[in-house]
Amino acid sequence: MKKTKPRIAIYYDNRWGRNDGPPLYYFNAMQNMKMDITHLIPQGDTSKYGKFDYHFWVDWGEDGLPVDHDWMPPKDGGKTIYVVSDAHIDKKGKKYRFNRANKFDLVFFNQKRAWSEYVAQKKEPVIANSLWLPHAAEPQAYPQIEQAKKYDVCFIGHFQDTKNYNGFSRVDMLDFAFKKFPNFYFGTRSPQDPTKNMFEDAAKKFNQSKIVLNISITDDVNMRFWETLVAGSFLLTNWIPGLKDLEKNYGLVDGVHYITYKDLTDLEVKAKYFLSNDKERERIASVGYKQAMKTGTYKSRIKTIFDIISHK
């Protein structure tokens, strides 16, 4: 007898001008994996769509959208799974996400520090329903594209002027790097053109650049880390303790698959070194790409989630 595929519902609201981010990546990856996946709006009575074996809620700024924050997937016996992102940015968002996490059967935190804080709030010595699962990248959204190098250095991201783990902000880093590296590409999200500096356009800019800079907001590995590697580009990112977890759990090693800087002087020294050493720079970009494709895609995250579910 042919085994029936489990039915999966994924909930996110894409009616307000954006249709991107982790929920869409999870949805597309599950479709590509030939799973029986249905996208539903997280409002009203969705039980009319039938019974589901798994209900996925993936963070995508729902706290900033006009949706019912108290809405929960229907109770039909299906396991409820919550993928938590951006719980590290502000107290209000963290409280909202922590409260929601308490209502799910299984919770995965993209930011390890937020997961640690969530665990610390619990009385139980071991939290069986919550785990750390880092961000990932979608190769179809950030493809490796062969491009001639036009820029020495590139940074794509939001302006942010709060000091990070290393003691400087993105604004500090950009001000410094613009002065040191005149052939610099900077891009950010455009409200007029949602595809500019996003997805394939961003991947092209990465591959047109010898070095892609990254900087995290807190002691957590962000999405840009994975997107740069999956695009096949050379990554120079700020050092944070959380990178040790990637080496242990995902085989990504500082100095082998990417390079880190600890302060702005270190950034300058290492950027100038790798601008002058093309072969070494491209070799690191190549091995970083190969490892990220093994352990840093949404497909690999979905496999991890269902491996964990199957052992519970």
Protein backbone atom coordinates (compact mmCIF):
# COMPACT_ATOMS: atom_id res chain seq x y z
CA MET A 1 0.00 0.00 0.00
CA LYS A 2 1.32 3.44 -0.95
CA LYS A 3 2.19 5.53 2.09
CA THR A 4 0.17 8.74 2.34
CA LYS A 5 2.17 11.95 2.66
CA PRO A 6 1.48 13.92 5.85
CA ARG A 7 -0.55 17.08 5.26
CA ILE A 8 1.23 20.28 6.30
CA ALA A 9 -0.19 23.77 6.75
CA ILE A 10 2.06 26.81 6.90
CA TYR A 11 0.60 30.10 8.13
CA TYR A 12 1.75 33.58 7.15
CA ASP A 13 0.03 36.73 5.92
CA ASN A 14 1.27 37.96 2.54
CA ARG A 15 -1.52 40.45 1.79
CA TRP A 16 0.28 43.62 2.85
CA GLY A 17 2.74 44.33 0.05
CA ARG A 18 5.51 41.81 0.85
CA ASN A 19 5.83 38.18 -0.06
CA ASP A 20 9.31 37.16 1.01
CA GLY A 21 11.27 36.01 4.04
CA PRO A 22 11.53 32.74 5.97
CA PRO A 23 7.87 31.63 5.68
CA LEU A 24 8.02 31.78 1.89
CA TYR A 25 11.42 30.07 1.87
CA TYR A 26 10.06 27.24 4.03
CA PHE A 27 6.96 26.96 1.86
CA ASN A 28 8.92 26.85 -1.41
CA ALA A 29 11.48 24.40 -0.03
CA MET A 30 8.71 22.04 1.13
CA GLN A 31 7.09 22.27 -2.29
CA ASN A 32 10.42 21.45 -3.95
CA MET A 33 10.76 18.49 -1.59
CA LYS A 34 7.36 17.25 -2.87
CA MET A 35 5.68 17.62 0.51
CA ASP A 36 1.90 18.06 0.79
CA ILE A 37 2.11 21.70 1.89
CA THR A 38 -0.69 24.31 1.98
CA HIS A 39 -0.26 28.03 2.65
CA LEU A 40 -3.03 29.58 4.76
CA ILE A 41 -3.67 33.10 6.06
CA PRO A 42 -3.42 33.12 9.89
CA GLN A 43 -6.96 34.44 10.47
CA GLY A 44 -10.46 33.11 10.95
CA ASP A 45 -11.56 29.49 10.83
CA THR A 46 -9.13 27.49 8.69
CA SER A 47 -10.57 24.11 9.71
CA LYS A 48 -12.61 24.12 6.45
CA TYR A 49 -9.38 23.15 4.68
CA GLY A 50 -9.43 19.81 6.46
CA LYS A 51 -7.24 18.11 8.99
CA PHE A 52 -3.47 18.61 8.95
CA ASP A 53 -0.75 16.44 10.46
CA TYR A 54 1.52 19.46 11.04
CA HIS A 55 0.84 23.17 11.49
CA PHE A 56 3.81 25.52 10.88
CA TRP A 57 3.92 29.11 12.01
CA VAL A 58 7.12 30.81 10.80
CA ASP A 59 7.98 34.31 12.03
CA TRP A 60 7.82 37.03 9.43
CA GLY A 61 7.20 40.27 11.31
CA GLU A 62 3.62 39.28 12.19
CA ASP A 63 3.85 41.58 15.21
CA GLY A 64 4.03 44.48 12.75
CA LEU A 65 1.08 43.39 10.57
CA PRO A 66 -2.66 43.94 11.15
CA VAL A 67 -3.45 40.34 12.06
CA ASP A 68 -5.06 38.73 15.07
CA HIS A 69 -2.15 38.05 17.42
CA ASP A 70 -4.20 35.65 19.50
CA TRP A 71 -5.05 33.43 16.53
CA MET A 72 -3.75 29.87 16.76
CA PRO A 73 -3.89 26.89 14.38
CA PRO A 74 -7.02 24.74 14.75
CA LYS A 75 -6.84 21.91 17.26
CA ASP A 76 -7.24 18.89 14.98
CA GLY A 77 -4.62 16.66 16.56
CA GLY A 78 -1.87 17.84 14.25
CA LYS A 79 1.47 18.79 15.79
CA THR A 80 2.04 22.55 16.01
CA ILE A 81 5.50 23.90 15.18
CA TYR A 82 6.78 27.44 15.64
CA VAL A 83 9.95 28.80 14.01
CA VAL A 84 10.93 31.94 15.96
CA SER A 85 12.94 34.75 14.39
CA ASP A 86 13.80 38.32 15.44
CA ALA A 87 13.16 37.67 19.13
CA HIS A 88 16.43 39.49 19.83
CA ILE A 89 15.63 42.94 18.46
CA ASP A 90 13.22 44.56 20.95
CA LYS A 91 11.53 43.71 24.25
CA LYS A 92 7.98 43.96 22.88
CA GLY A 93 8.69 41.56 20.03
CA LYS A 94 10.48 39.17 22.37
CA LYS A 95 7.56 39.10 24.83
CA TYR A 96 5.09 38.47 22.01
CA ARG A 97 7.16 35.61 20.61
CA PHE A 98 7.94 34.02 23.98
CA ASN A 99 4.22 34.02 24.89
CA ARG A 100 3.33 32.47 21.54
CA ALA A 101 6.08 29.86 21.88
CA ASN A 102 4.45 28.56 25.07
CA LYS A 103 1.40 27.47 23.04
CA PHE A 104 3.19 25.27 20.49
CA ASP A 105 4.19 21.61 20.65
CA LEU A 106 7.65 22.24 19.21
CA VAL A 107 9.58 25.53 18.96
CA PHE A 108 12.74 26.37 17.00
CA PHE A 109 14.61 29.60 17.72
CA ASN A 110 16.77 31.08 14.93
CA GLN A 111 18.73 33.19 17.42
CA LYS A 112 20.54 31.10 20.02
CA ARG A 113 20.70 33.89 22.59
CA ALA A 114 16.93 34.35 22.38
CA TRP A 115 16.48 30.59 22.78
CA SER A 116 18.76 30.64 25.85
CA GLU A 117 16.72 33.47 27.37
CA TYR A 118 13.50 31.57 26.67
CA VAL A 119 14.87 28.46 28.37
CA ALA A 120 16.07 30.55 31.34
CA GLN A 121 12.50 31.78 31.94
CA LYS A 122 11.26 28.21 32.39
CA LYS A 123 11.30 26.36 35.69
CA GLU A 124 12.03 22.96 34.17
CA PRO A 125 15.74 22.04 33.99
CA VAL A 126 15.31 20.73 30.43
CA ILE A 127 12.97 22.28 27.88
CA ALA A 128 11.97 19.36 25.72
CA ASN A 129 9.86 21.35 23.26
CA SER A 130 12.35 24.10 22.26
CA LEU A 131 15.58 23.96 20.28
CA TRP A 132 18.05 26.26 18.54
CA LEU A 133 17.92 26.13 14.73
CA PRO A 134 19.85 28.89 12.95
CA HIS A 135 18.75 30.89 9.94
CA ALA A 136 19.41 29.52 6.46
CA ALA A 137 19.45 30.65 2.83
CA GLU A 138 17.44 29.72 -0.22
CA PRO A 139 19.74 29.04 -3.22
CA GLN A 140 16.95 29.83 -5.67
CA ALA A 141 16.55 33.28 -4.09
CA TYR A 142 20.31 33.93 -3.72
CA PRO A 143 21.86 31.95 -6.59
CA GLN A 144 25.54 31.66 -7.39
CA ILE A 145 25.92 33.77 -10.54
CA GLU A 146 29.16 34.09 -12.49
CA GLN A 147 29.93 37.82 -12.59
CA ALA A 148 32.91 40.03 -13.42
CA LYS A 149 34.21 41.80 -10.31
CA LYS A 150 33.14 45.47 -10.36
CA TYR A 151 33.48 46.34 -6.67
CA ASP A 152 36.16 45.79 -4.08
CA VAL A 153 33.75 45.70 -1.15
CA CYS A 154 29.99 45.33 -0.82
CA PHE A 155 27.47 45.69 1.99
CA ILE A 156 23.73 45.22 1.60
CA GLY A 157 21.49 45.71 4.62
CA HIS A 158 19.54 48.10 6.81
CA PHE A 159 21.04 51.12 8.54
CA GLN A 160 21.35 50.44 12.26
CA ASP A 161 23.11 52.67 14.77
CA THR A 162 23.03 50.54 17.93
CA LYS A 163 26.37 49.20 19.14
CA ASN A 164 26.71 45.49 18.53
CA TYR A 165 28.64 42.80 20.39
CA ASN A 166 31.94 44.18 19.08
CA GLY A 167 31.22 47.72 20.26
CA PHE A 168 30.38 49.43 16.96
CA SER A 169 27.27 49.80 14.83
CA ARG A 170 26.53 49.31 11.15
CA VAL A 171 26.69 53.06 10.68
CA ASP A 172 30.15 53.10 12.28
CA MET A 173 31.27 50.25 10.03
CA LEU A 174 29.88 51.85 6.86
CA ASP A 175 31.39 55.26 7.62
CA PHE A 176 34.78 53.61 8.17
CA ALA A 177 34.61 51.29 5.15
CA PHE A 178 33.44 54.00 2.72
CA LYS A 179 36.54 56.03 3.56
CA LYS A 180 38.96 53.10 3.37
CA PHE A 181 37.52 51.43 0.26
CA PRO A 182 36.23 53.96 -2.31
CA ASN A 183 35.18 51.23 -4.75
CA PHE A 184 32.36 50.24 -2.42
CA TYR A 185 28.81 49.11 -3.20
CA PHE A 186 26.15 49.85 -0.59
CA GLY A 187 22.54 48.82 -1.00
CA THR A 188 19.42 48.58 1.12
CA ARG A 189 15.74 47.67 0.65
CA SER A 190 13.87 49.97 -1.72
CA PRO A 191 10.15 50.60 -0.98
CA GLN A 192 9.71 51.55 -4.64
CA ASP A 193 11.30 48.33 -5.93
CA PRO A 194 11.11 45.35 -3.51
CA THR A 195 13.49 43.31 -5.69
CA LYS A 196 16.31 45.89 -5.63
CA ASN A 197 19.17 44.72 -3.38
CA MET A 198 17.17 41.62 -2.56
CA PHE A 199 17.23 38.05 -3.85
CA GLU A 200 18.86 37.61 -7.28
CA ASP A 201 19.76 41.30 -7.51
CA ALA A 202 21.60 41.06 -4.19
CA ALA A 203 23.30 37.81 -5.29
CA LYS A 204 24.54 39.57 -8.43
CA LYS A 205 25.99 42.40 -6.35
CA PHE A 206 27.65 39.86 -4.04
CA ASN A 207 29.23 38.10 -7.00
CA GLN A 208 30.29 41.40 -8.58
CA SER A 209 32.20 42.16 -5.36
CA LYS A 210 35.51 40.76 -4.22
CA ILE A 211 34.48 41.00 -0.57
CA VAL A 212 31.00 40.98 1.00
CA LEU A 213 30.88 42.59 4.43
CA ASN A 214 28.47 41.42 7.10
CA ILE A 215 27.72 42.71 10.58
CA SER A 216 25.31 41.20 13.10
CA ILE A 217 23.05 43.23 15.36
CA THR A 218 23.67 41.10 18.44
CA ASP A 219 25.54 37.91 19.30
CA ASP A 220 23.59 35.96 16.69
CA VAL A 221 24.22 34.72 13.17
CA ASN A 222 21.98 36.61 10.76
CA MET A 223 20.40 35.63 7.43
CA ARG A 224 22.96 37.62 5.41
CA PHE A 225 25.71 35.30 6.68
CA TRP A 226 24.07 32.32 4.96
CA GLU A 227 22.89 34.21 1.88
CA THR A 228 26.41 35.43 1.10
CA LEU A 229 27.86 31.93 1.35
CA VAL A 230 25.08 30.28 -0.68
CA ALA A 231 25.60 32.92 -3.39
CA GLY A 232 29.21 31.72 -3.59
CA SER A 233 30.78 34.97 -2.41
CA PHE A 234 33.68 35.73 -0.09
CA LEU A 235 32.33 36.63 3.36
CA LEU A 236 34.05 38.96 5.85
CA THR A 237 31.84 39.07 8.95
CA ASN A 238 32.21 40.38 12.48
CA TRP A 239 33.37 37.82 15.04
CA ILE A 240 30.79 36.76 17.61
CA PRO A 241 30.86 33.86 20.08
CA GLY A 242 27.86 32.31 18.31
CA LEU A 243 30.09 31.37 15.38
CA LYS A 244 31.62 28.64 17.55
CA ASP A 245 28.25 26.88 17.49
CA LEU A 246 28.26 26.86 13.70
CA GLU A 247 31.63 25.12 13.65
CA LYS A 248 30.46 22.49 16.12
CA ASN A 249 27.03 21.84 14.60
CA TYR A 250 27.30 22.85 10.94
CA GLY A 251 30.96 22.45 10.01
CA LEU A 252 31.54 26.13 9.14
CA VAL A 253 34.98 27.22 10.30
CA ASP A 254 36.35 30.74 10.64
CA GLY A 255 39.44 31.05 8.43
CA VAL A 256 38.36 28.13 6.24
CA HIS A 257 34.87 28.92 4.94
CA TYR A 258 34.73 32.63 5.79
CA ILE A 259 36.83 35.27 7.56
CA THR A 260 36.02 37.32 10.66
CA TYR A 261 37.05 40.74 11.95
CA LYS A 262 36.96 41.81 15.61
CA ASP A 263 37.15 45.58 15.18
CA LEU A 264 37.31 48.16 12.39
CA THR A 265 41.11 48.13 12.22
CA ASP A 266 40.99 44.36 11.85
CA LEU A 267 38.39 44.78 9.11
CA GLU A 268 40.71 47.10 7.18
CA VAL A 269 43.76 44.84 7.54
CA LYS A 270 41.94 41.68 6.45
CA ALA A 271 40.02 43.34 3.62
CA LYS A 272 43.22 44.79 2.15
CA TYR A 273 44.96 41.43 2.49
CA PHE A 274 42.26 39.52 0.62
CA LEU A 275 41.89 42.22 -2.01
CA SER A 276 45.55 41.54 -2.80
CA ASN A 277 45.29 37.74 -2.70
CA ASP A 278 42.75 36.72 -5.30
CA LYS A 279 43.41 32.97 -5.33
CA GLU A 280 43.18 32.57 -1.57
CA ARG A 281 40.04 34.71 -1.45
CA GLU A 282 38.29 32.74 -4.19
CA ARG A 283 39.33 29.42 -2.66
CA ILE A 284 37.71 30.39 0.66
CA ALA A 285 34.56 31.55 -1.17
CA SER A 286 34.41 28.20 -2.99
CA VAL A 287 34.72 25.97 0.08
CA GLY A 288 32.33 28.24 2.00
CA TYR A 289 29.75 27.82 -0.75
CA LYS A 290 30.09 24.03 -0.76
CA GLN A 291 29.69 23.74 3.01
CA ALA A 292 26.75 26.16 3.15
CA MET A 293 24.98 24.19 0.42
CA LYS A 294 25.34 21.10 2.62
CA THR A 295 24.31 22.57 5.96
CA GLY A 296 22.85 26.04 5.41
CA THR A 297 19.80 25.73 3.16
CA TYR A 298 16.13 25.70 4.11
CA LYS A 299 15.92 22.18 2.73
CA SER A 300 18.49 21.06 5.31
CA ARG A 301 16.59 22.89 8.09
CA ILE A 302 13.34 21.16 7.14
CA LYS A 303 15.09 17.78 7.18
CA THR A 304 16.41 18.59 10.67
CA ILE A 305 12.93 19.54 11.91
CA PHE A 306 11.33 16.34 10.65
CA ASP A 307 14.21 14.20 11.91
CA ILE A 308 13.59 15.68 15.37
CA ILE A 309 9.82 15.17 15.06
CA SER A 310 10.31 11.53 14.09
CA HIS A 311 12.32 10.88 17.26
CA LYS A 312 9.85 12.52 19.65
